N, C-alpha and C. Protein backbone atom coordinates (compact mmCIF):
# COMPACT_ATOMS: atom_id res chain seq x y z
N MET A 1 -9.54 245.86 150.72
CA MET A 1 -8.48 246.10 151.66
C MET A 1 -8.70 247.46 152.32
N THR A 2 -8.71 247.50 153.61
CA THR A 2 -8.89 248.73 154.35
C THR A 2 -7.54 249.30 154.73
N GLU A 3 -7.36 250.60 154.45
CA GLU A 3 -6.11 251.25 154.81
C GLU A 3 -6.15 251.64 156.28
N PHE A 4 -5.04 251.44 156.97
CA PHE A 4 -4.93 251.86 158.36
C PHE A 4 -4.52 253.32 158.39
N ARG A 5 -5.32 254.12 159.05
CA ARG A 5 -5.01 255.55 159.21
C ARG A 5 -4.85 255.82 160.69
N GLY A 6 -3.64 255.76 161.16
CA GLY A 6 -3.38 255.88 162.58
C GLY A 6 -3.04 257.28 163.06
N GLU A 7 -2.99 258.23 162.15
CA GLU A 7 -2.60 259.58 162.53
C GLU A 7 -3.72 260.55 162.17
N ARG A 8 -4.06 261.42 163.10
CA ARG A 8 -5.10 262.43 162.88
C ARG A 8 -4.42 263.78 162.64
N LEU A 9 -4.89 264.48 161.62
CA LEU A 9 -4.36 265.80 161.29
C LEU A 9 -5.53 266.78 161.38
N GLN A 10 -5.40 267.75 162.25
CA GLN A 10 -6.45 268.75 162.43
C GLN A 10 -6.00 270.05 161.80
N ILE A 11 -6.86 270.64 160.95
CA ILE A 11 -6.55 271.92 160.32
C ILE A 11 -7.74 272.85 160.48
N MET A 12 -7.45 274.13 160.44
CA MET A 12 -8.50 275.14 160.48
C MET A 12 -8.61 275.75 159.09
N LEU A 13 -9.84 275.89 158.58
CA LEU A 13 -10.07 276.46 157.27
C LEU A 13 -11.00 277.66 157.39
N SER A 14 -10.78 278.63 156.51
CA SER A 14 -11.71 279.75 156.42
C SER A 14 -12.99 279.26 155.75
N PRO A 15 -14.07 280.00 155.85
CA PRO A 15 -15.30 279.59 155.15
C PRO A 15 -15.08 279.44 153.64
N GLU A 16 -14.25 280.30 153.06
CA GLU A 16 -13.98 280.21 151.62
C GLU A 16 -13.20 278.95 151.28
N GLU A 17 -12.21 278.61 152.09
CA GLU A 17 -11.43 277.39 151.85
C GLU A 17 -12.31 276.15 152.00
N LEU A 18 -13.18 276.15 152.99
CA LEU A 18 -14.09 275.02 153.19
C LEU A 18 -15.05 274.88 152.01
N ALA A 19 -15.51 276.00 151.46
CA ALA A 19 -16.39 275.95 150.30
C ALA A 19 -15.68 275.33 149.10
N VAL A 20 -14.39 275.64 148.92
CA VAL A 20 -13.62 275.06 147.82
C VAL A 20 -13.50 273.54 148.00
N VAL A 21 -13.22 273.11 149.22
CA VAL A 21 -13.12 271.67 149.51
C VAL A 21 -14.47 270.99 149.24
N ASP A 22 -15.54 271.60 149.74
CA ASP A 22 -16.87 271.01 149.53
C ASP A 22 -17.25 270.97 148.05
N ASP A 23 -16.94 272.03 147.31
CA ASP A 23 -17.22 272.02 145.87
C ASP A 23 -16.48 270.89 145.17
N PHE A 24 -15.20 270.72 145.51
CA PHE A 24 -14.40 269.62 144.95
C PHE A 24 -15.03 268.28 145.32
N ARG A 25 -15.40 268.15 146.58
CA ARG A 25 -15.99 266.89 147.07
C ARG A 25 -17.25 266.53 146.29
N PHE A 26 -18.17 267.46 146.16
CA PHE A 26 -19.44 267.15 145.51
C PHE A 26 -19.28 266.98 144.01
N ARG A 27 -18.40 267.78 143.40
CA ARG A 27 -18.15 267.67 141.96
C ARG A 27 -17.57 266.30 141.61
N ASN A 28 -16.78 265.74 142.52
CA ASN A 28 -16.15 264.45 142.28
C ASN A 28 -16.84 263.30 143.02
N ARG A 29 -18.02 263.58 143.56
CA ARG A 29 -18.85 262.55 144.22
C ARG A 29 -18.09 261.78 145.29
N MET A 30 -17.40 262.53 146.15
CA MET A 30 -16.62 261.90 147.22
C MET A 30 -17.50 261.77 148.46
N PRO A 31 -17.32 260.72 149.24
CA PRO A 31 -18.22 260.45 150.36
C PRO A 31 -18.06 261.39 151.56
N THR A 32 -16.86 261.92 151.78
CA THR A 32 -16.60 262.73 152.97
C THR A 32 -15.65 263.87 152.65
N ARG A 33 -15.64 264.86 153.54
CA ARG A 33 -14.65 265.92 153.42
C ARG A 33 -13.24 265.36 153.57
N ALA A 34 -13.08 264.42 154.48
CA ALA A 34 -11.76 263.83 154.69
C ALA A 34 -11.24 263.18 153.41
N ALA A 35 -12.11 262.48 152.70
CA ALA A 35 -11.70 261.85 151.44
C ALA A 35 -11.30 262.92 150.42
N ALA A 36 -12.05 264.01 150.39
CA ALA A 36 -11.73 265.10 149.46
C ALA A 36 -10.39 265.73 149.81
N VAL A 37 -10.14 265.96 151.09
CA VAL A 37 -8.87 266.56 151.51
C VAL A 37 -7.71 265.62 151.19
N ARG A 38 -7.89 264.31 151.42
CA ARG A 38 -6.82 263.36 151.08
C ARG A 38 -6.53 263.39 149.59
N GLU A 39 -7.57 263.45 148.76
CA GLU A 39 -7.38 263.47 147.31
C GLU A 39 -6.71 264.77 146.87
N LEU A 40 -7.14 265.90 147.44
CA LEU A 40 -6.51 267.18 147.11
C LEU A 40 -5.05 267.19 147.53
N LEU A 41 -4.75 266.62 148.68
CA LEU A 41 -3.36 266.53 149.14
C LEU A 41 -2.54 265.67 148.18
N LYS A 42 -3.10 264.54 147.78
CA LYS A 42 -2.40 263.65 146.84
C LYS A 42 -2.15 264.36 145.51
N LEU A 43 -3.16 265.06 144.99
CA LEU A 43 -3.00 265.79 143.72
C LEU A 43 -1.98 266.91 143.85
N GLY A 44 -2.01 267.63 144.97
CA GLY A 44 -1.06 268.72 145.18
C GLY A 44 0.36 268.22 145.28
N LEU A 45 0.55 267.13 146.01
CA LEU A 45 1.90 266.58 146.15
C LEU A 45 2.42 266.05 144.82
N ALA A 46 1.53 265.46 144.03
CA ALA A 46 1.95 264.93 142.73
C ALA A 46 2.31 266.04 141.75
N SER A 47 1.72 267.22 141.94
CA SER A 47 1.96 268.31 140.99
C SER A 47 3.16 269.18 141.35
N THR A 48 3.68 269.03 142.54
CA THR A 48 4.81 269.88 142.93
C THR A 48 6.10 269.35 142.33
N THR A 49 6.93 270.29 141.94
CA THR A 49 8.23 269.90 141.39
C THR A 49 9.34 270.63 142.11
N GLY A 50 9.08 271.04 143.34
CA GLY A 50 10.08 271.78 144.08
C GLY A 50 10.14 273.23 143.65
N ALA A 51 9.04 273.75 143.08
CA ALA A 51 9.03 275.13 142.58
C ALA A 51 9.10 276.16 143.70
N ALA A 52 8.70 275.79 144.90
CA ALA A 52 8.74 276.74 146.01
C ALA A 52 10.19 276.95 146.41
N GLY A 53 10.62 278.18 146.31
CA GLY A 53 12.00 278.51 146.65
C GLY A 53 12.18 278.75 148.13
N SER A 54 13.40 278.94 148.53
CA SER A 54 13.69 279.18 149.93
C SER A 54 13.21 280.55 150.38
N ASP A 55 12.83 281.42 149.43
CA ASP A 55 12.34 282.74 149.79
C ASP A 55 10.84 282.74 150.07
N MET A 56 10.19 281.59 149.97
CA MET A 56 8.75 281.51 150.25
C MET A 56 8.52 281.53 151.75
N LYS A 57 7.48 282.27 152.16
CA LYS A 57 7.09 282.34 153.56
C LYS A 57 5.86 281.46 153.76
N SER A 58 5.67 280.98 154.98
CA SER A 58 4.52 280.12 155.25
C SER A 58 3.21 280.84 154.97
N ALA A 59 3.17 282.16 155.12
CA ALA A 59 1.96 282.93 154.87
C ALA A 59 1.56 282.90 153.39
N ASN A 60 2.47 282.53 152.49
CA ASN A 60 2.18 282.48 151.06
C ASN A 60 1.43 281.21 150.65
N TYR A 61 1.17 280.32 151.57
CA TYR A 61 0.60 279.04 151.21
C TYR A 61 -0.89 278.92 151.47
N GLY A 62 -1.60 280.00 151.74
CA GLY A 62 -3.04 279.94 151.94
C GLY A 62 -3.75 279.85 150.60
N VAL A 63 -5.00 279.41 150.63
CA VAL A 63 -5.80 279.34 149.42
C VAL A 63 -6.31 280.73 149.06
N PHE A 64 -6.66 281.52 150.07
CA PHE A 64 -7.18 282.87 149.88
C PHE A 64 -6.38 283.84 150.71
N GLY A 65 -6.35 285.10 150.31
CA GLY A 65 -5.72 286.15 151.09
C GLY A 65 -6.58 286.48 152.30
N ARG A 66 -6.05 287.25 153.19
CA ARG A 66 -6.77 287.66 154.38
C ARG A 66 -7.18 289.12 154.23
N GLY A 67 -8.09 289.54 155.07
CA GLY A 67 -8.60 290.90 155.03
C GLY A 67 -7.69 291.89 155.73
N PRO A 68 -8.11 293.14 155.77
CA PRO A 68 -7.34 294.19 156.42
C PRO A 68 -7.07 293.87 157.89
N GLY A 69 -5.90 294.23 158.33
CA GLY A 69 -5.55 294.03 159.72
C GLY A 69 -4.99 292.66 160.04
N SER A 70 -4.88 291.82 159.04
CA SER A 70 -4.34 290.48 159.29
C SER A 70 -2.84 290.46 159.05
N HIS A 71 -2.21 289.34 159.38
CA HIS A 71 -0.77 289.22 159.15
C HIS A 71 -0.44 289.14 157.66
N ARG A 72 -1.45 289.00 156.81
CA ARG A 72 -1.23 288.92 155.36
C ARG A 72 -1.77 290.13 154.64
N GLU A 73 -1.92 291.25 155.34
CA GLU A 73 -2.50 292.45 154.75
C GLU A 73 -1.72 292.93 153.53
N THR A 74 -0.41 292.85 153.59
CA THR A 74 0.42 293.28 152.47
C THR A 74 1.09 292.09 151.82
N ASP A 75 1.25 292.14 150.55
CA ASP A 75 1.96 291.09 149.82
C ASP A 75 3.38 291.54 149.58
N SER A 76 4.30 291.10 150.43
CA SER A 76 5.71 291.48 150.23
C SER A 76 6.58 290.28 150.23
């Protein structure tokens, strides 16, 4: 049975984030990056229990921090 995927989601990743996705993909013998991202999304959604409070900012949801001069330079 083929799943219909009618919606495209485009995201931008840092080189470090892409390396993490690729490592997961190859470690789990997945055929594509898209398959790895779908699996990571499924695992992440299954593991959440609503722990993110209303005080969380969108900048807190990256895989890695940013360097000096970025909008994430300070952790506040």
